[in-house]
Every structure is written in C-alpha cells, then in structure tokens.
C-alpha cells in the first residue's frame, strides 16, 4: 500500500483549490457580484478556473488513491502522476486566469491533466480486469 505517496499531492491540490476559491471571492468583492459573473470577464475566467479544477481533480485523486491502495502502480509512477496532476492544474489555472483564449499554459495544463487521467484509468482498468480474470 502506497497511499501515503499520494497525500502530499492531494495536500498541494487542496492548497491550489483554496487559492482558486480565494480568487473568486476576491473578484466577487472587487466587482460587487454576489452570484453569477455579472458580465465581468475576469470573474468569469476565475469561476471557470475554479470549476474546471473541481471537475477534474476529485476523480483523478480517487483513481490515484485506488492505484496506490491496491499497489497497482509502482512508487515512481504514482509520484510522476501526482506531480503531473499538480503541475497540470496549476498551469491550466494560470493560463485560464490570464486569458479566455488558448494559451500555452492552458493547453499544457489540459494535456497533463488528461495524460494523468488516461494513464491512471488504463492502469485501473487493467488491474480490475486482471483481478476479475485471476
């Protein structure tokens, strides 16, 4: 069981989520918008950066914890996937916070996040099928 390997990455991601949450609150106060975006592009980007994080990170962490719990992935792979997820989510948030259009940070953040999900999903599916057939 390598569950403790994922904990620092989960902790870092929790801090990123708090930063994104604070940014939305700050922008709401700055622009005096209680709900929605108030047609403020900066607030809309902040809300989407926060929401996008919330859409991807929980499932990614669940799969990573599952791989760690079952021992289905080597320690180095868990570290690589955890680090890639943190870096990807930070890059995406930075890119989206700066511009609603495509940016290198946003593209790389998306690609890293998808890579983590794809590799982790593949390992989880492979382990699950193997265990069903064994």
Protein backbone atom coordinates (compact mmCIF):
# COMPACT_ATOMS: atom_id res chain seq x y z
CA UNK A 1 0.00 0.00 0.00
CA UNK A 2 1.47 3.29 -1.13
CA UNK A 3 -1.43 5.55 -0.17
CA UNK A 4 0.82 7.93 1.75
CA UNK A 5 2.63 8.73 -1.51
CA UNK A 6 -0.49 10.46 -2.85
CA UNK A 7 -1.13 12.53 0.29
CA UNK A 8 1.37 15.34 -0.45
CA UNK A 9 -0.09 15.76 -3.93
CA UNK A 10 -3.62 15.82 -2.52
CA UNK A 11 -2.46 18.41 0.01
CA UNK A 12 -0.88 20.58 -2.69
CA UNK A 13 -4.03 20.33 -4.79
CA UNK A 14 -6.12 21.34 -1.78
CA UNK A 15 -3.98 24.46 -1.44
CA UNK A 16 -4.43 25.23 -5.15
CA UNK A 17 -8.20 24.87 -4.71
CA UNK A 18 -8.11 27.29 -1.79
CA UNK A 19 -6.16 29.76 -3.92
CA UNK A 20 -8.68 29.48 -6.75
CA UNK A 21 -11.56 29.84 -4.29
CA UNK A 22 -10.00 32.91 -2.72
CA UNK A 23 -9.51 34.41 -6.18
CA UNK A 24 -13.23 34.04 -6.96
CA UNK A 25 -14.21 35.63 -3.64
CA UNK A 26 -11.72 38.46 -4.19
CA UNK A 27 -13.08 39.13 -7.67
CA UNK A 28 -16.69 38.99 -6.46
CA UNK A 29 -15.92 41.59 -3.81
CA UNK A 30 -13.90 43.74 -6.22
CA UNK A 31 -16.69 43.81 -8.80
CA UNK A 32 -19.57 43.60 -6.28
CA UNK A 33 -21.07 40.49 -7.88
CA UNK A 34 -22.87 38.19 -5.45
CA UNK A 35 -23.80 35.41 -7.83
CA UNK A 36 -23.01 34.61 -11.44
CA UNK A 37 -20.40 36.54 -13.36
CA UNK A 38 -22.04 39.95 -13.60
CA UNK A 39 -20.75 40.05 -17.19
CA UNK A 40 -17.25 40.62 -15.78
CA UNK A 41 -14.81 38.65 -17.99
CA UNK A 42 -12.13 38.46 -15.27
CA UNK A 43 -14.67 36.98 -12.83
CA UNK A 44 -15.98 34.55 -15.46
CA UNK A 45 -12.43 33.27 -16.02
CA UNK A 46 -11.83 32.93 -12.29
CA UNK A 47 -15.05 30.99 -11.82
CA UNK A 48 -14.21 28.68 -14.74
CA UNK A 49 -10.67 28.07 -13.47
CA UNK A 50 -12.14 27.08 -10.09
CA UNK A 51 -14.92 24.97 -11.62
CA UNK A 52 -12.60 23.23 -14.06
CA UNK A 53 -10.30 22.29 -11.19
CA UNK A 54 -13.30 20.88 -9.28
CA UNK A 55 -14.39 18.90 -12.33
CA UNK A 56 -11.09 17.08 -12.86
CA UNK A 57 -9.17 16.79 -9.61
CA UNK A 58 -11.54 14.67 -7.47
CA UNK A 59 -11.76 11.80 -9.96
CA UNK A 60 -8.04 11.95 -10.68
CA UNK A 61 -7.27 11.70 -6.96
CA UNK A 62 -9.75 8.85 -6.47
CA UNK A 63 -8.09 6.82 -9.23
CA UNK A 64 -4.58 7.64 -7.93
CA UNK A 65 -5.57 6.63 -4.40
CA UNK A 66 -7.05 3.41 -5.80
CA UNK A 67 -3.83 2.61 -7.65
CA UNK A 68 -1.82 3.35 -4.53
CA UNK A 69 -4.13 1.34 -2.27
CA UNK A 70 -4.02 -1.75 -4.46
CA UNK A 71 -0.33 -1.47 -5.29
CA UNK A 72 -1.26 -1.44 -8.99
CA UNK A 73 1.32 1.22 -9.81
CA UNK A 74 4.97 1.47 -8.80
CA UNK A 75 6.02 4.26 -6.46
CA UNK A 76 7.80 6.20 -9.19
CA UNK A 77 4.65 6.14 -11.34
CA UNK A 78 2.49 7.42 -8.50
CA UNK A 79 4.94 10.28 -7.93
CA UNK A 80 5.06 11.07 -11.65
CA UNK A 81 1.27 11.07 -11.97
CA UNK A 82 0.78 13.12 -8.79
CA UNK A 83 3.36 15.71 -9.82
CA UNK A 84 1.98 15.91 -13.35
CA UNK A 85 -1.52 16.46 -11.98
CA UNK A 86 -0.39 19.29 -9.69
CA UNK A 87 1.67 20.95 -12.43
CA UNK A 88 -1.11 20.50 -14.97
CA UNK A 89 -3.77 22.02 -12.76
CA UNK A 90 -1.58 24.99 -11.81
CA UNK A 91 -0.69 25.63 -15.46
CA UNK A 92 -4.31 25.43 -16.52
CA UNK A 93 -5.45 27.80 -13.77
CA UNK A 94 -2.73 30.32 -14.61
CA UNK A 95 -3.48 30.16 -18.33
CA UNK A 96 -7.24 30.48 -17.91
CA UNK A 97 -6.93 33.26 -15.33
CA UNK A 98 -4.92 35.36 -17.78
CA UNK A 99 -6.97 34.83 -20.94
CA UNK A 100 -10.20 33.18 -22.04
CA UNK A 101 -8.49 32.17 -25.28
CA UNK A 102 -5.95 29.47 -25.88
CA UNK A 103 -2.62 29.88 -24.14
CA UNK A 104 0.41 27.65 -23.81
CA UNK A 105 -0.15 27.26 -20.07
CA UNK A 106 -3.78 26.30 -20.53
CA UNK A 107 -3.03 23.81 -23.31
CA UNK A 108 -0.17 22.17 -21.39
CA UNK A 109 -2.26 22.10 -18.23
CA UNK A 110 -5.08 20.35 -20.04
CA UNK A 111 -2.74 17.87 -21.71
CA UNK A 112 -1.00 16.97 -18.44
CA UNK A 113 -4.33 16.51 -16.67
CA UNK A 114 -5.71 14.33 -19.45
CA UNK A 115 -2.49 12.33 -19.57
CA UNK A 116 -2.75 11.62 -15.84
CA UNK A 117 -6.39 10.56 -16.18
CA UNK A 118 -5.70 8.41 -19.23
CA UNK A 119 -2.70 6.61 -17.73
CA UNK A 120 -4.34 6.17 -14.33
CA UNK A 121 -7.58 4.96 -15.92
CA UNK A 122 -5.66 2.49 -18.06
CA UNK A 123 -3.81 1.12 -15.04
CA UNK A 124 -7.04 0.91 -13.04
CA UNK A 125 -8.89 -0.86 -15.84
CA UNK A 126 -6.02 -3.23 -16.46
CA UNK A 127 -5.79 -4.09 -12.77
CA UNK A 128 -9.54 -4.51 -12.48
CA UNK A 129 -9.77 -6.83 -15.50
CA UNK A 130 -6.74 -8.82 -14.35
CA UNK A 131 -8.28 -9.29 -10.90
CA UNK A 132 -11.61 -10.35 -12.39
CA UNK A 133 -9.96 -12.97 -14.57
CA UNK A 134 -7.50 -14.24 -11.97
